[in-house]
All heavy atoms as atom14 arrays in JSON, in Angstrom:
{
  "sequence": "LDQAQEFLDRGLDGVMIGRAAYHTPCDILLDADARIY",
  "atom14_mask": [
    [1, 1, 1, 1, 1, 1, 1, 1, 0, 0, 0, 0, 0, 0],
    [1, 1, 1, 1, 1, 1, 1, 1, 0, 0, 0, 0, 0, 0],
    [1, 1, 1, 1, 1, 1, 1, 1, 1, 0, 0, 0, 0, 0],
    [1, 1, 1, 1, 1, 0, 0, 0, 0, 0, 0, 0, 0, 0],
    [1, 1, 1, 1, 1, 1, 1, 1, 1, 0, 0, 0, 0, 0],
    [1, 1, 1, 1, 1, 1, 1, 1, 1, 0, 0, 0, 0, 0],
    [1, 1, 1, 1, 1, 1, 1, 1, 1, 1, 1, 0, 0, 0],
    [1, 1, 1, 1, 1, 1, 1, 1, 0, 0, 0, 0, 0, 0],
    [1, 1, 1, 1, 1, 1, 1, 1, 0, 0, 0, 0, 0, 0],
    [1, 1, 1, 1, 1, 1, 1, 1, 1, 1, 1, 0, 0, 0],
    [1, 1, 1, 1, 0, 0, 0, 0, 0, 0, 0, 0, 0, 0],
    [1, 1, 1, 1, 1, 1, 1, 1, 0, 0, 0, 0, 0, 0],
    [1, 1, 1, 1, 1, 1, 1, 1, 0, 0, 0, 0, 0, 0],
    [1, 1, 1, 1, 0, 0, 0, 0, 0, 0, 0, 0, 0, 0],
    [1, 1, 1, 1, 1, 1, 1, 0, 0, 0, 0, 0, 0, 0],
    [1, 1, 1, 1, 1, 1, 1, 1, 0, 0, 0, 0, 0, 0],
    [1, 1, 1, 1, 1, 1, 1, 1, 0, 0, 0, 0, 0, 0],
    [1, 1, 1, 1, 0, 0, 0, 0, 0, 0, 0, 0, 0, 0],
    [1, 1, 1, 1, 1, 1, 1, 1, 1, 1, 1, 0, 0, 0],
    [1, 1, 1, 1, 1, 0, 0, 0, 0, 0, 0, 0, 0, 0],
    [1, 1, 1, 1, 1, 0, 0, 0, 0, 0, 0, 0, 0, 0],
    [1, 1, 1, 1, 1, 1, 1, 1, 1, 1, 1, 1, 0, 0],
    [1, 1, 1, 1, 1, 1, 1, 1, 1, 1, 0, 0, 0, 0],
    [1, 1, 1, 1, 1, 1, 1, 0, 0, 0, 0, 0, 0, 0],
    [1, 1, 1, 1, 1, 1, 1, 0, 0, 0, 0, 0, 0, 0],
    [1, 1, 1, 1, 1, 1, 0, 0, 0, 0, 0, 0, 0, 0],
    [1, 1, 1, 1, 1, 1, 1, 1, 0, 0, 0, 0, 0, 0],
    [1, 1, 1, 1, 1, 1, 1, 1, 0, 0, 0, 0, 0, 0],
    [1, 1, 1, 1, 1, 1, 1, 1, 0, 0, 0, 0, 0, 0],
    [1, 1, 1, 1, 1, 1, 1, 1, 0, 0, 0, 0, 0, 0],
    [1, 1, 1, 1, 1, 1, 1, 1, 0, 0, 0, 0, 0, 0],
    [1, 1, 1, 1, 1, 0, 0, 0, 0, 0, 0, 0, 0, 0],
    [1, 1, 1, 1, 1, 1, 1, 1, 0, 0, 0, 0, 0, 0],
    [1, 1, 1, 1, 1, 0, 0, 0, 0, 0, 0, 0, 0, 0],
    [1, 1, 1, 1, 1, 1, 1, 1, 1, 1, 1, 0, 0, 0],
    [1, 1, 1, 1, 1, 1, 1, 1, 0, 0, 0, 0, 0, 0],
    [1, 1, 1, 1, 1, 1, 1, 1, 1, 1, 1, 1, 0, 0]
  ],
  "atom14_positions": [
    [[-12.4, 5.19, -3.13], [-11.89, 3.84, -3.31], [-12.28, 2.94, -2.14], [-12.42, 1.72, -2.32], [-10.36, 3.86, -3.47], [-9.82, 4.3, -4.83], [-8.3, 4.23, -4.82], [-10.39, 3.48, -5.97], [0.0, 0.0, 0.0], [0.0, 0.0, 0.0], [0.0, 0.0, 0.0], [0.0, 0.0, 0.0], [0.0, 0.0, 0.0], [0.0, 0.0, 0.0]],
    [[-12.43, 3.52, -0.96], [-12.89, 2.72, 0.19], [-14.26, 2.11, -0.11], [-14.49, 0.92, 0.14], [-12.97, 3.58, 1.46], [-11.6, 3.92, 2.02], [-10.62, 3.22, 1.66], [-11.5, 4.88, 2.8], [0.0, 0.0, 0.0], [0.0, 0.0, 0.0], [0.0, 0.0, 0.0], [0.0, 0.0, 0.0], [0.0, 0.0, 0.0], [0.0, 0.0, 0.0]],
    [[-15.17, 2.95, -0.64], [-16.5, 2.45, -1.01], [-16.38, 1.37, -2.08], [-17.06, 0.34, -2.03], [-17.34, 3.6, -1.56], [-18.41, 4.13, -0.64], [-19.27, 5.15, -1.36], [-18.77, 6.17, -1.85], [-20.55, 4.88, -1.43], [0.0, 0.0, 0.0], [0.0, 0.0, 0.0], [0.0, 0.0, 0.0], [0.0, 0.0, 0.0], [0.0, 0.0, 0.0]],
    [[-15.53, 1.65, -3.07], [-15.36, 0.68, -4.16], [-14.89, -0.66, -3.62], [-15.42, -1.72, -3.99], [-14.38, 1.22, -5.19], [0.0, 0.0, 0.0], [0.0, 0.0, 0.0], [0.0, 0.0, 0.0], [0.0, 0.0, 0.0], [0.0, 0.0, 0.0], [0.0, 0.0, 0.0], [0.0, 0.0, 0.0], [0.0, 0.0, 0.0], [0.0, 0.0, 0.0]],
    [[-13.93, -0.64, -2.73], [-13.4, -1.88, -2.18], [-14.47, -2.63, -1.38], [-14.53, -3.86, -1.39], [-12.19, -1.6, -1.3], [-11.45, -2.86, -0.86], [-10.91, -3.65, -2.03], [-10.14, -3.15, -2.83], [-11.35, -4.91, -2.16], [0.0, 0.0, 0.0], [0.0, 0.0, 0.0], [0.0, 0.0, 0.0], [0.0, 0.0, 0.0], [0.0, 0.0, 0.0]],
    [[-15.34, -1.89, -0.69], [-16.41, -2.52, 0.07], [-17.34, -3.32, -0.85], [-17.76, -4.44, -0.51], [-17.21, -1.46, 0.83], [-16.47, -0.86, 2.02], [-17.25, 0.27, 2.66], [-18.43, 0.47, 2.29], [-16.68, 0.95, 3.53], [0.0, 0.0, 0.0], [0.0, 0.0, 0.0], [0.0, 0.0, 0.0], [0.0, 0.0, 0.0], [0.0, 0.0, 0.0]],
    [[-17.65, -2.73, -2.02], [-18.52, -3.45, -2.97], [-17.83, -4.69, -3.52], [-18.46, -5.74, -3.69], [-18.95, -2.53, -4.11], [-20.02, -1.55, -3.73], [-19.78, -0.19, -3.76], [-21.26, -1.99, -3.34], [-20.76, 0.72, -3.41], [-22.27, -1.1, -2.98], [-22.01, 0.27, -3.01], [0.0, 0.0, 0.0], [0.0, 0.0, 0.0], [0.0, 0.0, 0.0]],
    [[-16.54, -4.59, -3.8], [-15.8, -5.76, -4.27], [-15.76, -6.83, -3.18], [-15.92, -8.03, -3.47], [-14.39, -5.36, -4.69], [-14.29, -4.41, -5.9], [-12.85, -3.96, -6.1], [-14.82, -5.08, -7.17], [0.0, 0.0, 0.0], [0.0, 0.0, 0.0], [0.0, 0.0, 0.0], [0.0, 0.0, 0.0], [0.0, 0.0, 0.0], [0.0, 0.0, 0.0]],
    [[-15.58, -6.39, -1.94], [-15.55, -7.34, -0.82], [-16.91, -8.02, -0.62], [-16.98, -9.14, -0.09], [-15.14, -6.63, 0.47], [-13.68, -6.18, 0.45], [-12.91, -6.69, -0.39], [-13.32, -5.32, 1.28], [0.0, 0.0, 0.0], [0.0, 0.0, 0.0], [0.0, 0.0, 0.0], [0.0, 0.0, 0.0], [0.0, 0.0, 0.0], [0.0, 0.0, 0.0]],
    [[-17.99, -7.35, -1.02], [-19.33, -7.91, -0.87], [-19.71, -8.82, -2.05], [-20.83, -9.31, -2.11], [-20.36, -6.79, -0.71], [-20.23, -6.02, 0.59], [-21.29, -4.94, 0.72], [-22.63, -5.5, 0.91], [-23.74, -4.75, 1.01], [-23.65, -3.43, 0.91], [-24.92, -5.32, 1.19], [0.0, 0.0, 0.0], [0.0, 0.0, 0.0], [0.0, 0.0, 0.0]],
    [[-18.79, -9.02, -2.96], [-19.01, -10.01, -4.0], [-19.26, -9.48, -5.39], [-19.36, -10.28, -6.34], [0.0, 0.0, 0.0], [0.0, 0.0, 0.0], [0.0, 0.0, 0.0], [0.0, 0.0, 0.0], [0.0, 0.0, 0.0], [0.0, 0.0, 0.0], [0.0, 0.0, 0.0], [0.0, 0.0, 0.0], [0.0, 0.0, 0.0], [0.0, 0.0, 0.0]],
    [[-19.39, -8.17, -5.53], [-19.56, -7.63, -6.88], [-18.25, -7.74, -7.65], [-17.16, -7.75, -7.07], [-20.05, -6.19, -6.83], [-21.51, -6.04, -6.38], [-21.88, -4.58, -6.2], [-22.47, -6.69, -7.39], [0.0, 0.0, 0.0], [0.0, 0.0, 0.0], [0.0, 0.0, 0.0], [0.0, 0.0, 0.0], [0.0, 0.0, 0.0], [0.0, 0.0, 0.0]],
    [[-18.36, -7.79, -8.97], [-17.18, -8.0, -9.81], [-16.48, -6.7, -10.18], [-15.29, -6.72, -10.52], [-17.59, -8.71, -11.1], [-18.3, -10.02, -10.82], [-17.64, -10.96, -10.35], [-19.52, -10.09, -11.06], [0.0, 0.0, 0.0], [0.0, 0.0, 0.0], [0.0, 0.0, 0.0], [0.0, 0.0, 0.0], [0.0, 0.0, 0.0], [0.0, 0.0, 0.0]],
    [[-17.21, -5.58, -10.13], [-16.62, -4.32, -10.53], [-17.37, -3.15, -9.94], [-18.5, -3.28, -9.44], [0.0, 0.0, 0.0], [0.0, 0.0, 0.0], [0.0, 0.0, 0.0], [0.0, 0.0, 0.0], [0.0, 0.0, 0.0], [0.0, 0.0, 0.0], [0.0, 0.0, 0.0], [0.0, 0.0, 0.0], [0.0, 0.0, 0.0], [0.0, 0.0, 0.0]],
    [[-16.73, -2.01, -10.01], [-17.31, -0.75, -9.53], [-17.05, 0.3, -10.6], [-15.92, 0.43, -11.1], [-16.68, -0.31, -8.2], [-17.26, 1.03, -7.76], [-16.9, -1.36, -7.12], [0.0, 0.0, 0.0], [0.0, 0.0, 0.0], [0.0, 0.0, 0.0], [0.0, 0.0, 0.0], [0.0, 0.0, 0.0], [0.0, 0.0, 0.0], [0.0, 0.0, 0.0]],
    [[-18.1, 1.01, -10.97], [-17.99, 2.1, -11.94], [-18.23, 3.42, -11.22], [-19.25, 3.6, -10.56], [-19.02, 1.91, -13.07], [-19.04, 3.04, -14.09], [-20.26, 2.75, -15.41], [-19.31, 1.64, -16.48], [0.0, 0.0, 0.0], [0.0, 0.0, 0.0], [0.0, 0.0, 0.0], [0.0, 0.0, 0.0], [0.0, 0.0, 0.0], [0.0, 0.0, 0.0]],
    [[-17.27, 4.34, -11.33], [-17.35, 5.62, -10.65], [-17.47, 6.73, -11.69], [-16.73, 6.74, -12.67], [-16.13, 5.85, -9.74], [-16.0, 4.71, -8.72], [-16.24, 7.2, -9.03], [-14.85, 4.87, -7.75], [0.0, 0.0, 0.0], [0.0, 0.0, 0.0], [0.0, 0.0, 0.0], [0.0, 0.0, 0.0], [0.0, 0.0, 0.0], [0.0, 0.0, 0.0]],
    [[-18.39, 7.65, -11.47], [-18.62, 8.73, -12.41], [-18.09, 10.06, -11.95], [-16.91, 10.36, -12.08], [0.0, 0.0, 0.0], [0.0, 0.0, 0.0], [0.0, 0.0, 0.0], [0.0, 0.0, 0.0], [0.0, 0.0, 0.0], [0.0, 0.0, 0.0], [0.0, 0.0, 0.0], [0.0, 0.0, 0.0], [0.0, 0.0, 0.0], [0.0, 0.0, 0.0]],
    [[-18.95, 10.87, -11.36], [-18.6, 12.26, -11.07], [-17.39, 12.42, -10.15], [-16.58, 13.32, -10.34], [-19.82, 12.99, -10.49], [-20.86, 13.35, -11.54], [-22.14, 13.85, -10.91], [-22.85, 12.78, -10.22], [-23.88, 12.97, -9.41], [-24.28, 14.2, -9.14], [-24.49, 11.94, -8.86], [0.0, 0.0, 0.0], [0.0, 0.0, 0.0], [0.0, 0.0, 0.0]],
    [[-17.25, 11.54, -9.17], [-16.1, 11.66, -8.27], [-14.79, 11.46, -9.03], [-13.79, 12.12, -8.74], [-16.21, 10.66, -7.13], [0.0, 0.0, 0.0], [0.0, 0.0, 0.0], [0.0, 0.0, 0.0], [0.0, 0.0, 0.0], [0.0, 0.0, 0.0], [0.0, 0.0, 0.0], [0.0, 0.0, 0.0], [0.0, 0.0, 0.0], [0.0, 0.0, 0.0]],
    [[-14.79, 10.55, -10.0], [-13.59, 10.32, -10.79], [-13.26, 11.51, -11.67], [-12.1, 11.72, -12.05], [-13.75, 9.07, -11.64], [0.0, 0.0, 0.0], [0.0, 0.0, 0.0], [0.0, 0.0, 0.0], [0.0, 0.0, 0.0], [0.0, 0.0, 0.0], [0.0, 0.0, 0.0], [0.0, 0.0, 0.0], [0.0, 0.0, 0.0], [0.0, 0.0, 0.0]],
    [[-14.28, 12.29, -12.0], [-14.05, 13.47, -12.83], [-13.64, 14.68, -11.99], [-12.67, 15.37, -12.3], [-15.29, 13.81, -13.65], [-15.05, 14.93, -14.63], [-14.49, 14.67, -15.88], [-15.34, 16.26, -14.3], [-14.24, 15.69, -16.78], [-15.09, 17.28, -15.2], [-14.53, 16.99, -16.43], [-14.26, 18.02, -17.32], [0.0, 0.0, 0.0], [0.0, 0.0, 0.0]],
    [[-14.4, 14.95, -10.92], [-14.16, 16.17, -10.15], [-12.96, 16.06, -9.22], [-12.29, 17.06, -8.94], [-15.41, 16.52, -9.33], [-16.55, 16.99, -10.17], [-16.46, 18.06, -11.03], [-17.82, 16.53, -10.29], [-17.62, 18.25, -11.64], [-18.46, 17.33, -11.22], [0.0, 0.0, 0.0], [0.0, 0.0, 0.0], [0.0, 0.0, 0.0], [0.0, 0.0, 0.0]],
    [[-12.67, 14.86, -8.72], [-11.5, 14.65, -7.86], [-10.74, 13.43, -8.37], [-10.62, 12.41, -7.67], [-11.92, 14.45, -6.39], [-12.87, 13.36, -6.31], [-12.56, 15.7, -5.83], [0.0, 0.0, 0.0], [0.0, 0.0, 0.0], [0.0, 0.0, 0.0], [0.0, 0.0, 0.0], [0.0, 0.0, 0.0], [0.0, 0.0, 0.0], [0.0, 0.0, 0.0]],
    [[-10.19, 13.52, -9.58], [-9.6, 12.33, -10.2], [-8.43, 11.74, -9.44], [-8.26, 10.52, -9.41], [-9.18, 12.84, -11.58], [-9.01, 14.31, -11.42], [-10.06, 14.71, -10.43], [0.0, 0.0, 0.0], [0.0, 0.0, 0.0], [0.0, 0.0, 0.0], [0.0, 0.0, 0.0], [0.0, 0.0, 0.0], [0.0, 0.0, 0.0], [0.0, 0.0, 0.0]],
    [[-7.64, 12.59, -8.81], [-6.47, 12.06, -8.1], [-6.9, 11.22, -6.91], [-6.25, 10.21, -6.59], [-5.56, 13.21, -7.65], [-4.82, 14.09, -9.05], [0.0, 0.0, 0.0], [0.0, 0.0, 0.0], [0.0, 0.0, 0.0], [0.0, 0.0, 0.0], [0.0, 0.0, 0.0], [0.0, 0.0, 0.0], [0.0, 0.0, 0.0], [0.0, 0.0, 0.0]],
    [[-7.97, 11.6, -6.23], [-8.44, 10.83, -5.08], [-8.88, 9.44, -5.48], [-8.75, 8.48, -4.7], [-9.62, 11.56, -4.41], [-9.21, 12.84, -3.72], [-7.99, 13.08, -3.58], [-10.11, 13.61, -3.33], [0.0, 0.0, 0.0], [0.0, 0.0, 0.0], [0.0, 0.0, 0.0], [0.0, 0.0, 0.0], [0.0, 0.0, 0.0], [0.0, 0.0, 0.0]],
    [[-9.41, 9.3, -6.68], [-9.91, 8.0, -7.13], [-8.83, 7.21, -7.86], [-8.64, 6.01, -7.6], [-11.13, 8.19, -8.06], [-12.25, 8.95, -7.34], [-11.62, 6.85, -8.58], [-12.82, 8.25, -6.14], [0.0, 0.0, 0.0], [0.0, 0.0, 0.0], [0.0, 0.0, 0.0], [0.0, 0.0, 0.0], [0.0, 0.0, 0.0], [0.0, 0.0, 0.0]],
    [[-8.13, 7.84, -8.78], [-7.33, 7.1, -9.74], [-5.86, 6.93, -9.38], [-5.23, 5.95, -9.8], [-7.45, 7.74, -11.12], [-8.86, 7.69, -11.72], [-8.95, 8.51, -13.0], [-9.28, 6.25, -11.98], [0.0, 0.0, 0.0], [0.0, 0.0, 0.0], [0.0, 0.0, 0.0], [0.0, 0.0, 0.0], [0.0, 0.0, 0.0], [0.0, 0.0, 0.0]],
    [[-5.28, 7.84, -8.62], [-3.84, 7.72, -8.34], [-3.53, 6.49, -7.49], [-2.45, 5.91, -7.61], [-3.32, 8.98, -7.65], [-3.09, 10.19, -8.55], [-2.54, 11.36, -7.74], [-2.14, 9.86, -9.71], [0.0, 0.0, 0.0], [0.0, 0.0, 0.0], [0.0, 0.0, 0.0], [0.0, 0.0, 0.0], [0.0, 0.0, 0.0], [0.0, 0.0, 0.0]],
    [[-4.44, 6.09, -6.62], [-4.22, 4.9, -5.78], [-4.91, 3.66, -6.31], [-4.82, 2.59, -5.7], [-4.71, 5.18, -4.36], [-3.85, 6.21, -3.64], [-2.65, 6.31, -3.98], [-4.37, 6.9, -2.75], [0.0, 0.0, 0.0], [0.0, 0.0, 0.0], [0.0, 0.0, 0.0], [0.0, 0.0, 0.0], [0.0, 0.0, 0.0], [0.0, 0.0, 0.0]],
    [[-5.62, 3.79, -7.42], [-6.42, 2.66, -7.91], [-5.55, 1.46, -8.29], [-5.9, 0.31, -8.0], [-7.26, 3.1, -9.1], [0.0, 0.0, 0.0], [0.0, 0.0, 0.0], [0.0, 0.0, 0.0], [0.0, 0.0, 0.0], [0.0, 0.0, 0.0], [0.0, 0.0, 0.0], [0.0, 0.0, 0.0], [0.0, 0.0, 0.0], [0.0, 0.0, 0.0]],
    [[-4.43, 1.7, -8.95], [-3.62, 0.58, -9.4], [-3.11, -0.25, -8.22], [-3.11, -1.49, -8.27], [-2.44, 1.08, -10.25], [-2.88, 1.56, -11.62], [-4.08, 1.44, -11.94], [-2.03, 2.06, -12.37], [0.0, 0.0, 0.0], [0.0, 0.0, 0.0], [0.0, 0.0, 0.0], [0.0, 0.0, 0.0], [0.0, 0.0, 0.0], [0.0, 0.0, 0.0]],
    [[-2.68, 0.42, -7.16], [-2.17, -0.3, -6.0], [-3.29, -1.0, -5.24], [-3.18, -2.18, -4.89], [-1.42, 0.66, -5.08], [0.0, 0.0, 0.0], [0.0, 0.0, 0.0], [0.0, 0.0, 0.0], [0.0, 0.0, 0.0], [0.0, 0.0, 0.0], [0.0, 0.0, 0.0], [0.0, 0.0, 0.0], [0.0, 0.0, 0.0], [0.0, 0.0, 0.0]],
    [[-4.4, -0.31, -5.03], [-5.44, -0.84, -4.16], [-6.38, -1.82, -4.85], [-6.85, -2.77, -4.22], [-6.25, 0.32, -3.57], [-5.43, 1.21, -2.64], [-6.28, 2.22, -1.93], [-7.34, 1.6, -1.15], [-8.27, 2.27, -0.48], [-8.25, 3.6, -0.49], [-9.21, 1.63, 0.19], [0.0, 0.0, 0.0], [0.0, 0.0, 0.0], [0.0, 0.0, 0.0]],
    [[-6.66, -1.59, -6.11], [-7.63, -2.44, -6.82], [-6.93, -3.53, -7.63], [-7.45, -4.65, -7.74], [-8.53, -1.6, -7.74], [-9.23, -0.48, -6.95], [-9.54, -2.48, -8.47], [-10.17, -0.98, -5.86], [0.0, 0.0, 0.0], [0.0, 0.0, 0.0], [0.0, 0.0, 0.0], [0.0, 0.0, 0.0], [0.0, 0.0, 0.0], [0.0, 0.0, 0.0]],
    [[-5.74, -3.22, -8.16], [-5.09, -4.15, -9.08], [-3.78, -4.74, -8.55], [-3.16, -5.56, -9.24], [-4.83, -3.45, -10.42], [-6.07, -2.91, -11.07], [-6.41, -1.56, -10.96], [-6.93, -3.75, -11.78], [-7.57, -1.05, -11.55], [-8.09, -3.25, -12.37], [-8.39, -1.91, -12.24], [-9.54, -1.41, -12.83], [0.0, 0.0, 0.0], [0.0, 0.0, 0.0]]
  ]
}
């Protein structure tokens, strides 16, 4: 999510995550609502 936030901060509208969201879903998704939304 740190990487994702960096891309959003650099002006991109969204970030799509693949394998990391699958293999370590809690690391990506459990904090996503608070940090991204």
